[in-house]
Amino acid sequence: MAQVAENARTKWQRATIPDWYGEGRRRVDIVSGTAVWFHNGQPPLPIRWVLIRDPKGKFKTQALLSTDLSISPLQMIKWFVLIG
């Protein structure tokens, strides 16, 4: 994921999160995809990953992971902010 975050050809999308840690609406850049997670002795598991980048540069690029591929990237971010 670090390679995706640092690649100049990565196509980031601008998204607005409605309630960013009590600050109200916040714009972030996101990119998402799927991958396979391998763990010794366990069967491979598909995951959805989401990278969040702050266009203002106030926080470092972060990665979120989920084993539920039906969840949208925006929903993953909303849940992350809710419990953060």
PDB file of N, CA and C in Angstrom:
ATOM      1  N   MET A   1       0.807  -1.193   0.000  1.00  0.00           N
ATOM      2  CA  MET A   1       0.000   0.000   0.000  1.00  0.00           C
ATOM      3  C   MET A   1       0.851   1.258   0.000  1.00  0.00           C
ATOM      4  N   ALA A   2       2.040   1.165   0.575  1.00  0.00           N
ATOM      5  CA  ALA A   2       2.936   2.321   0.543  1.00  0.00           C
ATOM      6  C   ALA A   2       3.288   2.682  -0.891  1.00  0.00           C
ATOM      7  N   GLN A   3       3.475   1.661  -1.730  1.00  0.00           N
ATOM      8  CA  GLN A   3       3.790   1.915  -3.133  1.00  0.00           C
ATOM      9  C   GLN A   3       2.621   2.604  -3.835  1.00  0.00           C
ATOM     10  N   VAL A   4       1.400   2.203  -3.523  1.00  0.00           N
ATOM     11  CA  VAL A   4       0.219   2.851  -4.110  1.00  0.00           C
ATOM     12  C   VAL A   4       0.161   4.306  -3.664  1.00  0.00           C
ATOM     13  N   ALA A   5       0.362   4.548  -2.383  1.00  0.00           N
ATOM     14  CA  ALA A   5       0.282   5.908  -1.833  1.00  0.00           C
ATOM     15  C   ALA A   5       1.326   6.835  -2.446  1.00  0.00           C
ATOM     16  N   GLU A   6       2.505   6.306  -2.740  1.00  0.00           N
ATOM     17  CA  GLU A   6       3.602   7.134  -3.241  1.00  0.00           C
ATOM     18  C   GLU A   6       3.671   7.221  -4.766  1.00  0.00           C
ATOM     19  N   ASN A   7       2.885   6.410  -5.455  1.00  0.00           N
ATOM     20  CA  ASN A   7       2.924   6.371  -6.915  1.00  0.00           C
ATOM     21  C   ASN A   7       2.210   7.589  -7.498  1.00  0.00           C
ATOM     22  N   ALA A   8       2.896   8.344  -8.329  1.00  0.00           N
ATOM     23  CA  ALA A   8       2.310   9.544  -8.932  1.00  0.00           C
ATOM     24  C   ALA A   8       1.145   9.211  -9.863  1.00  0.00           C
ATOM     25  N   ARG A   9       1.049   7.957 -10.321  1.00  0.00           N
ATOM     26  CA  ARG A   9      -0.033   7.571 -11.223  1.00  0.00           C
ATOM     27  C   ARG A   9      -1.280   7.067 -10.488  1.00  0.00           C
ATOM     28  N   THR A  10      -1.241   7.001  -9.166  1.00  0.00           N
ATOM     29  CA  THR A  10      -2.422   6.595  -8.402  1.00  0.00           C
ATOM     30  C   THR A  10      -3.523   7.626  -8.599  1.00  0.00           C
ATOM     31  N   LYS A  11      -4.719   7.155  -8.885  1.00  0.00           N
ATOM     32  CA  LYS A  11      -5.863   8.040  -9.140  1.00  0.00           C
ATOM     33  C   LYS A  11      -6.673   8.212  -7.850  1.00  0.00           C
ATOM     34  N   TRP A  12      -6.325   9.228  -7.100  1.00  0.00           N
ATOM     35  CA  TRP A  12      -7.027   9.554  -5.867  1.00  0.00           C
ATOM     36  C   TRP A  12      -8.365  10.199  -6.209  1.00  0.00           C
ATOM     37  N   GLN A  13      -9.358   9.952  -5.365  1.00  0.00           N
ATOM     38  CA  GLN A  13     -10.658  10.590  -5.510  1.00  0.00           C
ATOM     39  C   GLN A  13     -10.905  11.469  -4.292  1.00  0.00           C
ATOM     40  N   ARG A  14     -11.471  12.632  -4.518  1.00  0.00           N
ATOM     41  CA  ARG A  14     -11.803  13.536  -3.411  1.00  0.00           C
ATOM     42  C   ARG A  14     -13.155  13.109  -2.837  1.00  0.00           C
ATOM     43  N   ALA A  15     -13.222  13.005  -1.517  1.00  0.00           N
ATOM     44  CA  ALA A  15     -14.455  12.616  -0.834  1.00  0.00           C
ATOM     45  C   ALA A  15     -14.667  13.547   0.345  1.00  0.00           C
ATOM     46  N   THR A  16     -15.921  13.775   0.675  1.00  0.00           N
ATOM     47  CA  THR A  16     -16.257  14.596   1.834  1.00  0.00           C
ATOM     48  C   THR A  16     -16.832  13.701   2.922  1.00  0.00           C
ATOM     49  N   ILE A  17     -16.222  13.739   4.075  1.00  0.00           N
ATOM     50  CA  ILE A  17     -16.699  12.980   5.234  1.00  0.00           C
ATOM     51  C   ILE A  17     -17.539  13.944   6.063  1.00  0.00           C
ATOM     52  N   PRO A  18     -18.805  13.583   6.348  1.00  0.00           N
ATOM     53  CA  PRO A  18     -19.724  14.540   6.968  1.00  0.00           C
ATOM     54  C   PRO A  18     -19.373  14.962   8.399  1.00  0.00           C
ATOM     55  N   ASP A  19     -18.785  14.090   9.197  1.00  0.00           N
ATOM     56  CA  ASP A  19     -18.485  14.448  10.584  1.00  0.00           C
ATOM     57  C   ASP A  19     -17.103  13.922  10.945  1.00  0.00           C
ATOM     58  N   TRP A  20     -16.094  14.719  10.675  1.00  0.00           N
ATOM     59  CA  TRP A  20     -14.705  14.320  10.879  1.00  0.00           C
ATOM     60  C   TRP A  20     -14.260  14.690  12.279  1.00  0.00           C
ATOM     61  N   TYR A  21     -14.311  13.740  13.202  1.00  0.00           N
ATOM     62  CA  TYR A  21     -13.833  13.925  14.568  1.00  0.00           C
ATOM     63  C   TYR A  21     -14.342  15.207  15.217  1.00  0.00           C
ATOM     64  N   GLY A  22     -15.622  15.504  15.023  1.00  0.00           N
ATOM     65  CA  GLY A  22     -16.227  16.676  15.636  1.00  0.00           C
ATOM     66  C   GLY A  22     -15.925  17.981  14.935  1.00  0.00           C
ATOM     67  N   GLU A  23     -15.151  17.950  13.851  1.00  0.00           N
ATOM     68  CA  GLU A  23     -14.811  19.165  13.104  1.00  0.00           C
ATOM     69  C   GLU A  23     -15.871  19.531  12.074  1.00  0.00           C
ATOM     70  N   GLY A  24     -16.819  18.653  11.838  1.00  0.00           N
ATOM     71  CA  GLY A  24     -17.780  18.875  10.759  1.00  0.00           C
ATOM     72  C   GLY A  24     -17.273  18.239   9.485  1.00  0.00           C
ATOM     73  N   ARG A  25     -17.691  18.789   8.365  1.00  0.00           N
ATOM     74  CA  ARG A  25     -17.321  18.226   7.062  1.00  0.00           C
ATOM     75  C   ARG A  25     -15.830  18.372   6.793  1.00  0.00           C
ATOM     76  N   ARG A  26     -15.244  17.310   6.238  1.00  0.00           N
ATOM     77  CA  ARG A  26     -13.806  17.321   5.933  1.00  0.00           C
ATOM     78  C   ARG A  26     -13.557  16.622   4.606  1.00  0.00           C
ATOM     79  N   ARG A  27     -12.801  17.252   3.753  1.00  0.00           N
ATOM     80  CA  ARG A  27     -12.431  16.634   2.480  1.00  0.00           C
ATOM     81  C   ARG A  27     -11.149  15.847   2.643  1.00  0.00           C
ATOM     82  N   VAL A  28     -11.155  14.646   2.077  1.00  0.00           N
ATOM     83  CA  VAL A  28      -9.975  13.784   2.068  1.00  0.00           C
ATOM     84  C   VAL A  28      -9.845  13.179   0.674  1.00  0.00           C
ATOM     85  N   ASP A  29      -8.676  12.672   0.386  1.00  0.00           N
ATOM     86  CA  ASP A  29      -8.444  11.940  -0.853  1.00  0.00           C
ATOM     87  C   ASP A  29      -8.413  10.458  -0.513  1.00  0.00           C
ATOM     88  N   ILE A  30      -9.084   9.641  -1.338  1.00  0.00           N
ATOM     89  CA  ILE A  30      -9.114   8.210  -1.075  1.00  0.00           C
ATOM     90  C   ILE A  30      -8.817   7.423  -2.343  1.00  0.00           C
ATOM     91  N   VAL A  31      -8.316   6.221  -2.139  1.00  0.00           N
ATOM     92  CA  VAL A  31      -8.156   5.242  -3.197  1.00  0.00           C
ATOM     93  C   VAL A  31      -8.406   3.886  -2.535  1.00  0.00           C
ATOM     94  N   SER A  32      -9.020   2.966  -3.269  1.00  0.00           N
ATOM     95  CA  SER A  32      -9.398   1.684  -2.693  1.00  0.00           C
ATOM     96  C   SER A  32      -9.182   0.557  -3.689  1.00  0.00           C
ATOM     97  N   GLY A  33      -9.064  -0.629  -3.165  1.00  0.00           N
ATOM     98  CA  GLY A  33      -8.925  -1.811  -4.002  1.00  0.00           C
ATOM     99  C   GLY A  33      -9.122  -3.056  -3.168  1.00  0.00           C
ATOM    100  N   THR A  34      -8.909  -4.196  -3.781  1.00  0.00           N
ATOM    101  CA  THR A  34      -8.994  -5.464  -3.057  1.00  0.00           C
ATOM    102  C   THR A  34      -7.658  -6.180  -3.178  1.00  0.00           C
ATOM    103  N   ALA A  35      -7.420  -7.048  -2.236  1.00  0.00           N
ATOM    104  CA  ALA A  35      -6.182  -7.817  -2.200  1.00  0.00           C
ATOM    105  C   ALA A  35      -6.482  -9.148  -1.521  1.00  0.00           C
ATOM    106  N   VAL A  36      -5.479  -9.982  -1.444  1.00  0.00           N
ATOM    107  CA  VAL A  36      -5.604 -11.256  -0.745  1.00  0.00           C
ATOM    108  C   VAL A  36      -4.634 -11.229   0.430  1.00  0.00           C
ATOM    109  N   TRP A  37      -5.157 -11.536   1.600  1.00  0.00           N
ATOM    110  CA  TRP A  37      -4.360 -11.565   2.818  1.00  0.00           C
ATOM    111  C   TRP A  37      -3.930 -13.003   3.075  1.00  0.00           C
ATOM    112  N   PHE A  38      -2.626 -13.209   3.195  1.00  0.00           N
ATOM    113  CA  PHE A  38      -2.085 -14.528   3.495  1.00  0.00           C
ATOM    114  C   PHE A  38      -1.558 -14.526   4.917  1.00  0.00           C
ATOM    115  N   HIS A  39      -1.904 -15.575   5.658  1.00  0.00           N
ATOM    116  CA  HIS A  39      -1.425 -15.732   7.030  1.00  0.00           C
ATOM    117  C   HIS A  39      -1.019 -17.197   7.179  1.00  0.00           C
ATOM    118  N   ASN A  40       0.170 -17.445   7.711  1.00  0.00           N
ATOM    119  CA  ASN A  40       0.683 -18.814   7.829  1.00  0.00           C
ATOM    120  C   ASN A  40      -0.347 -19.753   8.446  1.00  0.00           C
ATOM    121  N   GLY A  41      -0.587 -20.860   7.766  1.00  0.00           N
ATOM    122  CA  GLY A  41      -1.484 -21.880   8.290  1.00  0.00           C
ATOM    123  C   GLY A  41      -2.958 -21.597   8.089  1.00  0.00           C
ATOM    124  N   GLN A  42      -3.300 -20.464   7.502  1.00  0.00           N
ATOM    125  CA  GLN A  42      -4.699 -20.097   7.289  1.00  0.00           C
ATOM    126  C   GLN A  42      -4.971 -19.995   5.789  1.00  0.00           C
ATOM    127  N   PRO A  43      -6.221 -20.225   5.389  1.00  0.00           N
ATOM    128  CA  PRO A  43      -6.529 -20.038   3.965  1.00  0.00           C
ATOM    129  C   PRO A  43      -6.464 -18.562   3.592  1.00  0.00           C
ATOM    130  N   PRO A  44      -6.144 -18.259   2.328  1.00  0.00           N
ATOM    131  CA  PRO A  44      -6.120 -16.856   1.888  1.00  0.00           C
ATOM    132  C   PRO A  44      -7.491 -16.207   2.103  1.00  0.00           C
ATOM    133  N   LEU A  45      -7.482 -14.926   2.404  1.00  0.00           N
ATOM    134  CA  LEU A  45      -8.711 -14.202   2.701  1.00  0.00           C
ATOM    135  C   LEU A  45      -8.756 -12.910   1.892  1.00  0.00           C
ATOM    136  N   PRO A  46      -9.828 -12.682   1.120  1.00  0.00           N
ATOM    137  CA  PRO A  46      -9.914 -11.417   0.374  1.00  0.00           C
ATOM    138  C   PRO A  46     -10.204 -10.259   1.329  1.00  0.00           C
ATOM    139  N   ILE A  47      -9.593  -9.131   1.064  1.00  0.00           N
ATOM    140  CA  ILE A  47      -9.823  -7.933   1.883  1.00  0.00           C
ATOM    141  C   ILE A  47     -10.032  -6.723   0.977  1.00  0.00           C
ATOM    142  N   ARG A  48     -10.753  -5.741   1.492  1.00  0.00           N
ATOM    143  CA  ARG A  48     -10.840  -4.424   0.852  1.00  0.00           C
ATOM    144  C   ARG A  48      -9.905  -3.512   1.624  1.00  0.00           C
ATOM    145  N   TRP A  49      -9.120  -2.734   0.881  1.00  0.00           N
ATOM    146  CA  TRP A  49      -8.246  -1.741   1.510  1.00  0.00           C
ATOM    147  C   TRP A  49      -8.643  -0.355   1.025  1.00  0.00           C
ATOM    148  N   VAL A  50      -8.468   0.613   1.909  1.00  0.00           N
ATOM    149  CA  VAL A  50      -8.740   2.012   1.594  1.00  0.00           C
ATOM    150  C   VAL A  50      -7.582   2.837   2.130  1.00  0.00           C
ATOM    151  N   LEU A  51      -7.016   3.672   1.280  1.00  0.00           N
ATOM    152  CA  LEU A  51      -6.004   4.635   1.729  1.00  0.00           C
ATOM    153  C   LEU A  51      -6.674   5.996   1.833  1.00  0.00           C
ATOM    154  N   ILE A  52      -6.389   6.703   2.921  1.00  0.00           N
ATOM    155  CA  ILE A  52      -6.931   8.044   3.158  1.00  0.00           C
ATOM    156  C   ILE A  52      -5.757   9.005   3.221  1.00  0.00           C
ATOM    157  N   ARG A  53      -5.822  10.048   2.402  1.00  0.00           N
ATOM    158  CA  ARG A  53      -4.761  11.063   2.365  1.00  0.00           C
ATOM    159  C   ARG A  53      -5.386  12.420   2.655  1.00  0.00           C
ATOM    160  N   ASP A  54      -4.713  13.208   3.458  1.00  0.00           N
ATOM    161  CA  ASP A  54      -5.201  14.538   3.804  1.00  0.00           C
ATOM    162  C   ASP A  54      -4.634  15.575   2.846  1.00  0.00           C
ATOM    163  N   PRO A  55      -5.498  16.203   2.032  1.00  0.00           N
ATOM    164  CA  PRO A  55      -4.979  17.219   1.107  1.00  0.00           C
ATOM    165  C   PRO A  55      -4.367  18.425   1.829  1.00  0.00           C
ATOM    166  N   LYS A  56      -4.741  18.630   3.103  1.00  0.00           N
ATOM    167  CA  LYS A  56      -4.170  19.732   3.891  1.00  0.00           C
ATOM    168  C   LYS A  56      -2.853  19.341   4.556  1.00  0.00           C
ATOM    169  N   GLY A  57      -2.528  18.051   4.528  1.00  0.00           N
ATOM    170  CA  GLY A  57      -1.276  17.583   5.116  1.00  0.00           C
ATOM    171  C   GLY A  57      -1.254  17.554   6.628  1.00  0.00           C
ATOM    172  N   LYS A  58      -2.427  17.543   7.284  1.00  0.00           N
ATOM    173  CA  LYS A  58      -2.459  17.554   8.753  1.00  0.00           C
ATOM    174  C   LYS A  58      -2.288  16.169   9.369  1.00  0.00           C
ATOM    175  N   PHE A  59      -2.543  15.102   8.597  1.00  0.00           N
ATOM    176  CA  PHE A  59      -2.295  13.763   9.114  1.00  0.00           C
ATOM    177  C   PHE A  59      -1.647  12.912   8.026  1.00  0.00           C
ATOM    178  N   LYS A  60      -0.932  11.884   8.468  1.00  0.00           N
ATOM    179  CA  LYS A  60      -0.249  10.983   7.544  1.00  0.00           C
ATOM    180  C   LYS A  60      -1.272  10.112   6.824  1.00  0.00           C
ATOM    181  N   THR A  61      -0.916   9.663   5.633  1.00  0.00           N
ATOM    182  CA  THR A  61      -1.763   8.747   4.883  1.00  0.00           C
ATOM    183  C   THR A  61      -1.992   7.495   5.730  1.00  0.00           C
ATOM    184  N   GLN A  62      -3.254   7.061   5.783  1.00  0.00           N
ATOM    185  CA  GLN A  62      -3.639   5.929   6.613  1.00  0.00           C
ATOM    186  C   GLN A  62      -4.268   4.840   5.760  1.00  0.00           C
ATOM    187  N   ALA A  63      -4.190   3.603   6.223  1.00  0.00           N
ATOM    188  CA  ALA A  63      -4.812   2.473   5.537  1.00  0.00           C
ATOM    189  C   ALA A  63      -5.877   1.861   6.439  1.00  0.00           C
ATOM    190  N   LEU A  64      -7.005   1.528   5.836  1.00  0.00           N
ATOM    191  CA  LEU A  64      -8.067   0.797   6.510  1.00  0.00           C
ATOM    192  C   LEU A  64      -8.254  -0.522   5.773  1.00  0.00           C
ATOM    193  N   LEU A  65      -8.576  -1.584   6.516  1.00  0.00           N
ATOM    194  CA  LEU A  65      -8.761  -2.903   5.926  1.00  0.00           C
ATOM    195  C   LEU A  65     -10.068  -3.507   6.419  1.00  0.00           C
ATOM    196  N   SER A  66     -10.722  -4.268   5.544  1.00  0.00           N
ATOM    197  CA  SER A  66     -11.950  -4.961   5.927  1.00  0.00           C
ATOM    198  C   SER A  66     -12.036  -6.281   5.183  1.00  0.00           C
ATOM    199  N   THR A  67     -12.540  -7.297   5.860  1.00  0.00           N
ATOM    200  CA  THR A  67     -12.772  -8.582   5.202  1.00  0.00           C
ATOM    201  C   THR A  67     -14.151  -8.628   4.553  1.00  0.00           C
ATOM    202  N   ASP A  68     -14.972  -7.614   4.768  1.00  0.00           N
ATOM    203  CA  ASP A  68     -16.295  -7.534   4.146  1.00  0.00           C
ATOM    204  C   ASP A  68     -16.176  -6.703   2.870  1.00  0.00           C
ATOM    205  N   LEU A  69     -16.117  -7.371   1.732  1.00  0.00           N
ATOM    206  CA  LEU A  69     -15.914  -6.680   0.461  1.00  0.00           C
ATOM    207  C   LEU A  69     -17.127  -5.878   0.016  1.00  0.00           C
ATOM    208  N   SER A  70     -18.275  -6.087   0.652  1.00  0.00           N
ATOM    209  CA  SER A  70     -19.487  -5.364   0.251  1.00  0.00           C
ATOM    210  C   SER A  70     -19.545  -3.950   0.832  1.00  0.00           C
ATOM    211  N   ILE A  71     -18.694  -3.644   1.789  1.00  0.00           N
ATOM    212  CA  ILE A  71     -18.690  -2.322   2.416  1.00  0.00           C
ATOM    213  C   ILE A  71     -17.982  -1.326   1.503  1.00  0.00           C
ATOM    214  N   SER A  72     -18.604  -0.173   1.297  1.00  0.00           N
ATOM    215  CA  SER A  72     -17.998   0.847   0.442  1.00  0.00           C
ATOM    216  C   SER A  72     -16.834   1.522   1.168  1.00  0.00           C
ATOM    217  N   PRO A  73     -15.888   2.056   0.413  1.00  0.00           N
ATOM    218  CA  PRO A  73     -14.787   2.787   1.041  1.00  0.00           C
ATOM    219  C   PRO A  73     -15.274   3.934   1.936  1.00  0.00           C
ATOM    220  N   LEU A  74     -16.294   4.670   1.497  1.00  0.00           N
ATOM    221  CA  LEU A  74     -16.796   5.779   2.324  1.00  0.00           C
ATOM    222  C   LEU A  74     -17.388   5.273   3.629  1.00  0.00           C
ATOM    223  N   GLN A  75     -18.100   4.154   3.591  1.00  0.00           N
ATOM    224  CA  GLN A  75     -18.658   3.605   4.823  1.00  0.00           C
ATOM    225  C   GLN A  75     -17.547   3.178   5.769  1.00  0.00           C
ATOM    226  N   MET A  76     -16.496   2.578   5.229  1.00  0.00           N
ATOM    227  CA  MET A  76     -15.372   2.186   6.079  1.00  0.00           C
ATOM    228  C   MET A  76     -14.787   3.399   6.792  1.00  0.00           C
ATOM    229  N   ILE A  77     -14.636   4.508   6.075  1.00  0.00           N
ATOM    230  CA  ILE A  77     -14.072   5.719   6.677  1.00  0.00           C
ATOM    231  C   ILE A  77     -15.019   6.283   7.726  1.00  0.00           C
ATOM    232  N   LYS A  78     -16.310   6.307   7.440  1.00  0.00           N
ATOM    233  CA  LYS A  78     -17.275   6.829   8.417  1.00  0.00           C
ATOM    234  C   LYS A  78     -17.237   6.029   9.701  1.00  0.00           C
ATOM    235  N   TRP A  79     -17.171   4.701   9.609  1.00  0.00           N
ATOM    236  CA  TRP A  79     -17.080   3.861  10.805  1.00  0.00           C
ATOM    237  C   TRP A  79     -15.771   4.104  11.541  1.00  0.00           C
ATOM    238  N   PHE A  80     -14.675   4.259  10.808  1.00  0.00           N
ATOM    239  CA  PHE A  80     -13.365   4.510  11.417  1.00  0.00           C
ATOM    240  C   PHE A  80     -13.398   5.808  12.222  1.00  0.00           C
ATOM    241  N   VAL A  81     -13.975   6.848  11.657  1.00  0.00           N
ATOM    242  CA  VAL A  81     -14.066   8.143  12.341  1.00  0.00           C
ATOM    243  C   VAL A  81     -14.990   8.046  13.548  1.00  0.00           C
ATOM    244  N   LEU A  82     -16.057   7.264  13.418  1.00  0.00           N
ATOM    245  CA  LEU A  82     -17.039   7.123  14.494  1.00  0.00           C
ATOM    246  C   LEU A  82     -16.411   6.506  15.739  1.00  0.00           C
ATOM    247  N   ILE A  83     -15.570   5.474  15.535  1.00  0.00           N
ATOM    248  CA  ILE A  83     -14.983   4.801  16.702  1.00  0.00           C
ATOM    249  C   ILE A  83     -13.634   5.386  17.107  1.00  0.00           C
ATOM    250  N   GLY A  84     -13.080   6.280  16.272  1.00  0.00           N
ATOM    251  CA  GLY A  84     -11.761   6.837  16.544  1.00  0.00           C
ATOM    252  C   GLY A  84     -11.814   7.830  17.614  1.00  0.00           C
TER     253      GLY A  84
END
